[in-house]
């Protein structure tokens, strides 16, 4: 049945549509939004809580910047690989990267507050931390479903229809 769909829509192949949007998101939008988010978060915490200059705060910032850098690099590599290498390993790498750079590292970033500052969240930060994790899980789930079920992805990366 699915091979018939592939034969009816052979032109649905290559970088375009939602696949192009996903690649741009992974390479540009995700890292940029993470950069803006972490900067704003640090600025807000420093304005509302007197933590600037403390050793624990400096460690917290360093760990979160490192987690952000890892997330941005993994995200960028996943997008770049989807753009350049049209094989099934690119799709598998992108799925793992989306889950790692999103929910896993968001959870790790949230845990650093608890571990390093002995105060997980202040001034509504608990809601913000949970919202970030939930948002990243939803985004990762949507990206995974798209990569596993899209006709364009299956045609572009020559994936079997049963995966």
C-alpha atoms as a PDB file:
ATOM      1  CA  UNK A   1       0.000   0.000   0.000  1.00  0.00           C
ATOM      2  CA  UNK A   2       2.698   2.505   1.001  1.00  0.00           C
ATOM      3  CA  UNK A   3       4.800   1.729  -2.057  1.00  0.00           C
ATOM      4  CA  UNK A   4       1.784   2.830  -4.092  1.00  0.00           C
ATOM      5  CA  UNK A   5       1.829   6.147  -2.224  1.00  0.00           C
ATOM      6  CA  UNK A   6       5.551   6.510  -2.958  1.00  0.00           C
ATOM      7  CA  UNK A   7       4.931   5.794  -6.652  1.00  0.00           C
ATOM      8  CA  UNK A   8       2.048   8.288  -6.810  1.00  0.00           C
ATOM      9  CA  UNK A   9       4.076  11.046  -5.149  1.00  0.00           C
ATOM     10  CA  UNK A  10       7.645  10.547  -6.428  1.00  0.00           C
ATOM     11  CA  UNK A  11       8.156  14.311  -6.773  1.00  0.00           C
ATOM     12  CA  UNK A  12       7.780  14.726  -3.009  1.00  0.00           C
ATOM     13  CA  UNK A  13      11.487  14.378  -2.429  1.00  0.00           C
ATOM     14  CA  UNK A  14      14.386  16.568  -1.346  1.00  0.00           C
ATOM     15  CA  UNK A  15      14.653  19.621   0.882  1.00  0.00           C
ATOM     16  CA  UNK A  16      11.318  21.328   0.946  1.00  0.00           C
ATOM     17  CA  UNK A  17       8.198  21.771   3.018  1.00  0.00           C
ATOM     18  CA  UNK A  18       8.324  20.589   6.605  1.00  0.00           C
ATOM     19  CA  UNK A  19      11.664  18.863   6.085  1.00  0.00           C
ATOM     20  CA  UNK A  20      13.320  22.154   5.168  1.00  0.00           C
ATOM     21  CA  UNK A  21      11.622  23.791   8.149  1.00  0.00           C
ATOM     22  CA  UNK A  22      12.943  21.036  10.441  1.00  0.00           C
ATOM     23  CA  UNK A  23      16.480  21.452   9.081  1.00  0.00           C
ATOM     24  CA  UNK A  24      16.361  25.246   9.561  1.00  0.00           C
ATOM     25  CA  UNK A  25      14.927  24.755  13.031  1.00  0.00           C
ATOM     26  CA  UNK A  26      17.668  22.321  14.017  1.00  0.00           C
ATOM     27  CA  UNK A  27      20.480  24.385  12.543  1.00  0.00           C
ATOM     28  CA  UNK A  28      19.366  27.940  13.386  1.00  0.00           C
ATOM     29  CA  UNK A  29      16.134  28.394  15.328  1.00  0.00           C
ATOM     30  CA  UNK A  30      16.754  25.865  18.113  1.00  0.00           C
ATOM     31  CA  UNK A  31      20.256  27.129  18.963  1.00  0.00           C
ATOM     32  CA  UNK A  32      19.175  30.769  18.654  1.00  0.00           C
ATOM     33  CA  UNK A  33      16.117  30.338  20.869  1.00  0.00           C
ATOM     34  CA  UNK A  34      18.250  28.461  23.400  1.00  0.00           C
ATOM     35  CA  UNK A  35      20.804  31.254  23.430  1.00  0.00           C
ATOM     36  CA  UNK A  36      18.155  33.912  23.968  1.00  0.00           C
ATOM     37  CA  UNK A  37      16.377  31.801  26.588  1.00  0.00           C
ATOM     38  CA  UNK A  38      19.470  31.106  28.674  1.00  0.00           C
ATOM     39  CA  UNK A  39      20.598  34.731  28.540  1.00  0.00           C
ATOM     40  CA  UNK A  40      17.165  36.024  29.594  1.00  0.00           C
ATOM     41  CA  UNK A  41      16.893  33.418  32.330  1.00  0.00           C
ATOM     42  CA  UNK A  42      20.239  34.366  33.839  1.00  0.00           C
ATOM     43  CA  UNK A  43      19.431  38.078  33.644  1.00  0.00           C
ATOM     44  CA  UNK A  44      16.038  37.578  35.304  1.00  0.00           C
ATOM     45  CA  UNK A  45      17.455  35.476  38.128  1.00  0.00           C
ATOM     46  CA  UNK A  46      20.263  37.958  38.778  1.00  0.00           C
ATOM     47  CA  UNK A  47      17.742  40.819  38.945  1.00  0.00           C
ATOM     48  CA  UNK A  48      15.329  39.079  41.309  1.00  0.00           C
ATOM     49  CA  UNK A  49      17.714  37.093  43.525  1.00  0.00           C
ATOM     50  CA  UNK A  50      21.001  38.246  44.981  1.00  0.00           C
ATOM     51  CA  UNK A  51      23.207  35.492  43.560  1.00  0.00           C
ATOM     52  CA  UNK A  52      25.556  37.380  41.267  1.00  0.00           C
ATOM     53  CA  UNK A  53      29.172  36.763  42.161  1.00  0.00           C
ATOM     54  CA  UNK A  54      28.648  33.715  44.342  1.00  0.00           C
ATOM     55  CA  UNK A  55      30.689  30.612  43.581  1.00  0.00           C
ATOM     56  CA  UNK A  56      27.592  28.414  43.295  1.00  0.00           C
ATOM     57  CA  UNK A  57      26.010  30.835  40.809  1.00  0.00           C
ATOM     58  CA  UNK A  58      29.169  30.904  38.693  1.00  0.00           C
ATOM     59  CA  UNK A  59      29.266  27.088  38.594  1.00  0.00           C
ATOM     60  CA  UNK A  60      25.572  27.006  37.738  1.00  0.00           C
ATOM     61  CA  UNK A  61      26.090  29.395  34.847  1.00  0.00           C
ATOM     62  CA  UNK A  62      29.133  27.503  33.520  1.00  0.00           C
ATOM     63  CA  UNK A  63      27.334  24.144  33.622  1.00  0.00           C
ATOM     64  CA  UNK A  64      24.251  25.591  31.915  1.00  0.00           C
ATOM     65  CA  UNK A  65      26.352  27.263  29.216  1.00  0.00           C
ATOM     66  CA  UNK A  66      28.140  23.954  28.594  1.00  0.00           C
ATOM     67  CA  UNK A  67      24.812  22.106  28.376  1.00  0.00           C
ATOM     68  CA  UNK A  68      23.554  24.754  25.961  1.00  0.00           C
ATOM     69  CA  UNK A  69      26.676  24.456  23.793  1.00  0.00           C
ATOM     70  CA  UNK A  70      26.314  20.665  23.650  1.00  0.00           C
ATOM     71  CA  UNK A  71      22.622  21.015  22.785  1.00  0.00           C
ATOM     72  CA  UNK A  72      23.309  23.601  20.066  1.00  0.00           C
ATOM     73  CA  UNK A  73      26.121  21.563  18.507  1.00  0.00           C
ATOM     74  CA  UNK A  74      24.108  18.328  18.505  1.00  0.00           C
ATOM     75  CA  UNK A  75      21.086  20.131  17.067  1.00  0.00           C
ATOM     76  CA  UNK A  76      23.167  21.830  14.369  1.00  0.00           C
ATOM     77  CA  UNK A  77      24.873  18.558  13.419  1.00  0.00           C
ATOM     78  CA  UNK A  78      21.530  16.778  13.140  1.00  0.00           C
ATOM     79  CA  UNK A  79      20.174  19.471  10.819  1.00  0.00           C
ATOM     80  CA  UNK A  80      23.354  19.588   8.769  1.00  0.00           C
ATOM     81  CA  UNK A  81      23.401  15.822   8.392  1.00  0.00           C
ATOM     82  CA  UNK A  82      19.766  15.773   7.282  1.00  0.00           C
ATOM     83  CA  UNK A  83      20.637  18.439   4.723  1.00  0.00           C
ATOM     84  CA  UNK A  84      23.813  16.837   3.368  1.00  0.00           C
ATOM     85  CA  UNK A  85      23.637  13.059   3.804  1.00  0.00           C
ATOM     86  CA  UNK A  86      20.476  11.526   2.385  1.00  0.00           C
ATOM     87  CA  UNK A  87      20.642   8.135   4.057  1.00  0.00           C
ATOM     88  CA  UNK A  88      18.662   6.443   6.803  1.00  0.00           C
ATOM     89  CA  UNK A  89      21.442   6.982   9.354  1.00  0.00           C
ATOM     90  CA  UNK A  90      20.860  10.741   9.056  1.00  0.00           C
ATOM     91  CA  UNK A  91      17.236  10.290  10.047  1.00  0.00           C
ATOM     92  CA  UNK A  92      18.141   7.991  12.948  1.00  0.00           C
ATOM     93  CA  UNK A  93      20.790  10.458  14.141  1.00  0.00           C
ATOM     94  CA  UNK A  94      18.290  13.319  13.920  1.00  0.00           C
ATOM     95  CA  UNK A  95      15.728  11.444  16.031  1.00  0.00           C
ATOM     96  CA  UNK A  96      18.298  10.672  18.736  1.00  0.00           C
ATOM     97  CA  UNK A  97      19.677  14.214  18.562  1.00  0.00           C
ATOM     98  CA  UNK A  98      16.231  15.771  18.939  1.00  0.00           C
ATOM     99  CA  UNK A  99      15.584  13.772  22.102  1.00  0.00           C
ATOM    100  CA  UNK A 100      19.080  14.322  23.493  1.00  0.00           C
ATOM    101  CA  UNK A 101      19.385  18.033  22.711  1.00  0.00           C
ATOM    102  CA  UNK A 102      15.812  18.679  23.836  1.00  0.00           C
ATOM    103  CA  UNK A 103      14.305  16.788  26.765  1.00  0.00           C
ATOM    104  CA  UNK A 104      17.462  15.127  28.108  1.00  0.00           C
ATOM    105  CA  UNK A 105      19.536  18.295  28.269  1.00  0.00           C
ATOM    106  CA  UNK A 106      16.554  20.381  29.440  1.00  0.00           C
ATOM    107  CA  UNK A 107      16.147  17.996  32.354  1.00  0.00           C
ATOM    108  CA  UNK A 108      19.894  18.150  33.039  1.00  0.00           C
ATOM    109  CA  UNK A 109      19.807  21.953  33.007  1.00  0.00           C
ATOM    110  CA  UNK A 110      16.882  21.926  35.425  1.00  0.00           C
ATOM    111  CA  UNK A 111      18.693  19.544  37.750  1.00  0.00           C
ATOM    112  CA  UNK A 112      21.748  21.807  37.951  1.00  0.00           C
ATOM    113  CA  UNK A 113      19.711  24.335  39.936  1.00  0.00           C
ATOM    114  CA  UNK A 114      18.805  21.720  42.480  1.00  0.00           C
ATOM    115  CA  UNK A 115      22.308  20.299  42.717  1.00  0.00           C
ATOM    116  CA  UNK A 116      24.480  23.399  42.520  1.00  0.00           C
ATOM    117  CA  UNK A 117      22.308  26.063  44.094  1.00  0.00           C
ATOM    118  CA  UNK A 118      20.446  23.943  46.674  1.00  0.00           C
ATOM    119  CA  UNK A 119      17.371  25.866  45.596  1.00  0.00           C
ATOM    120  CA  UNK A 120      15.883  24.437  42.419  1.00  0.00           C
ATOM    121  CA  UNK A 121      13.752  27.372  41.364  1.00  0.00           C
ATOM    122  CA  UNK A 122      12.886  30.824  42.514  1.00  0.00           C
ATOM    123  CA  UNK A 123      10.229  33.294  41.444  1.00  0.00           C
ATOM    124  CA  UNK A 124       8.136  30.885  39.345  1.00  0.00           C
ATOM    125  CA  UNK A 125      11.167  29.079  37.962  1.00  0.00           C
ATOM    126  CA  UNK A 126       9.676  25.689  38.777  1.00  0.00           C
ATOM    127  CA  UNK A 127       6.838  26.330  36.343  1.00  0.00           C
ATOM    128  CA  UNK A 128       9.293  27.621  33.746  1.00  0.00           C
ATOM    129  CA  UNK A 129      11.578  24.591  34.154  1.00  0.00           C
ATOM    130  CA  UNK A 130       8.675  22.168  33.854  1.00  0.00           C
ATOM    131  CA  UNK A 131       7.275  24.100  30.892  1.00  0.00           C
ATOM    132  CA  UNK A 132      10.673  23.883  29.136  1.00  0.00           C
ATOM    133  CA  UNK A 133      10.827  20.136  29.680  1.00  0.00           C
ATOM    134  CA  UNK A 134       7.234  19.575  28.554  1.00  0.00           C
ATOM    135  CA  UNK A 135       7.732  21.788  25.494  1.00  0.00           C
ATOM    136  CA  UNK A 136      10.921  19.947  24.527  1.00  0.00           C
ATOM    137  CA  UNK A 137       9.197  16.552  24.928  1.00  0.00           C
ATOM    138  CA  UNK A 138       6.304  17.681  22.715  1.00  0.00           C
ATOM    139  CA  UNK A 139       8.698  19.134  20.116  1.00  0.00           C
ATOM    140  CA  UNK A 140      10.817  15.967  20.136  1.00  0.00           C
ATOM    141  CA  UNK A 141       7.723  13.781  19.783  1.00  0.00           C
ATOM    142  CA  UNK A 142       6.426  15.832  16.851  1.00  0.00           C
ATOM    143  CA  UNK A 143       9.832  15.781  15.162  1.00  0.00           C
ATOM    144  CA  UNK A 144      10.114  12.030  15.648  1.00  0.00           C
ATOM    145  CA  UNK A 145       6.639  11.354  14.272  1.00  0.00           C
ATOM    146  CA  UNK A 146       7.383  13.550  11.270  1.00  0.00           C
ATOM    147  CA  UNK A 147      10.712  11.859  10.550  1.00  0.00           C
ATOM    148  CA  UNK A 148       9.170   8.396  10.901  1.00  0.00           C
ATOM    149  CA  UNK A 149       5.970   8.974   8.894  1.00  0.00           C
ATOM    150  CA  UNK A 150       6.571  11.653   6.276  1.00  0.00           C
ATOM    151  CA  UNK A 151       6.366  10.717   2.600  1.00  0.00           C
ATOM    152  CA  UNK A 152       8.989  13.358   1.756  1.00  0.00           C
ATOM    153  CA  UNK A 153      11.390  11.955   4.377  1.00  0.00           C
ATOM    154  CA  UNK A 154      10.843   8.379   3.206  1.00  0.00           C
ATOM    155  CA  UNK A 155      11.419   9.370  -0.431  1.00  0.00           C
ATOM    156  CA  UNK A 156      14.401  11.632   0.264  1.00  0.00           C
ATOM    157  CA  UNK A 157      16.235   9.206   2.531  1.00  0.00           C
ATOM    158  CA  UNK A 158      14.958   6.056   0.785  1.00  0.00           C
ATOM    159  CA  UNK A 159      13.481   4.659   3.969  1.00  0.00           C
ATOM    160  CA  UNK A 160      11.321   1.551   4.141  1.00  0.00           C
ATOM    161  CA  UNK A 161       7.665   2.195   4.833  1.00  0.00           C
ATOM    162  CA  UNK A 162       7.424  -0.115   7.815  1.00  0.00           C
ATOM    163  CA  UNK A 163       9.854   1.881  10.004  1.00  0.00           C
END
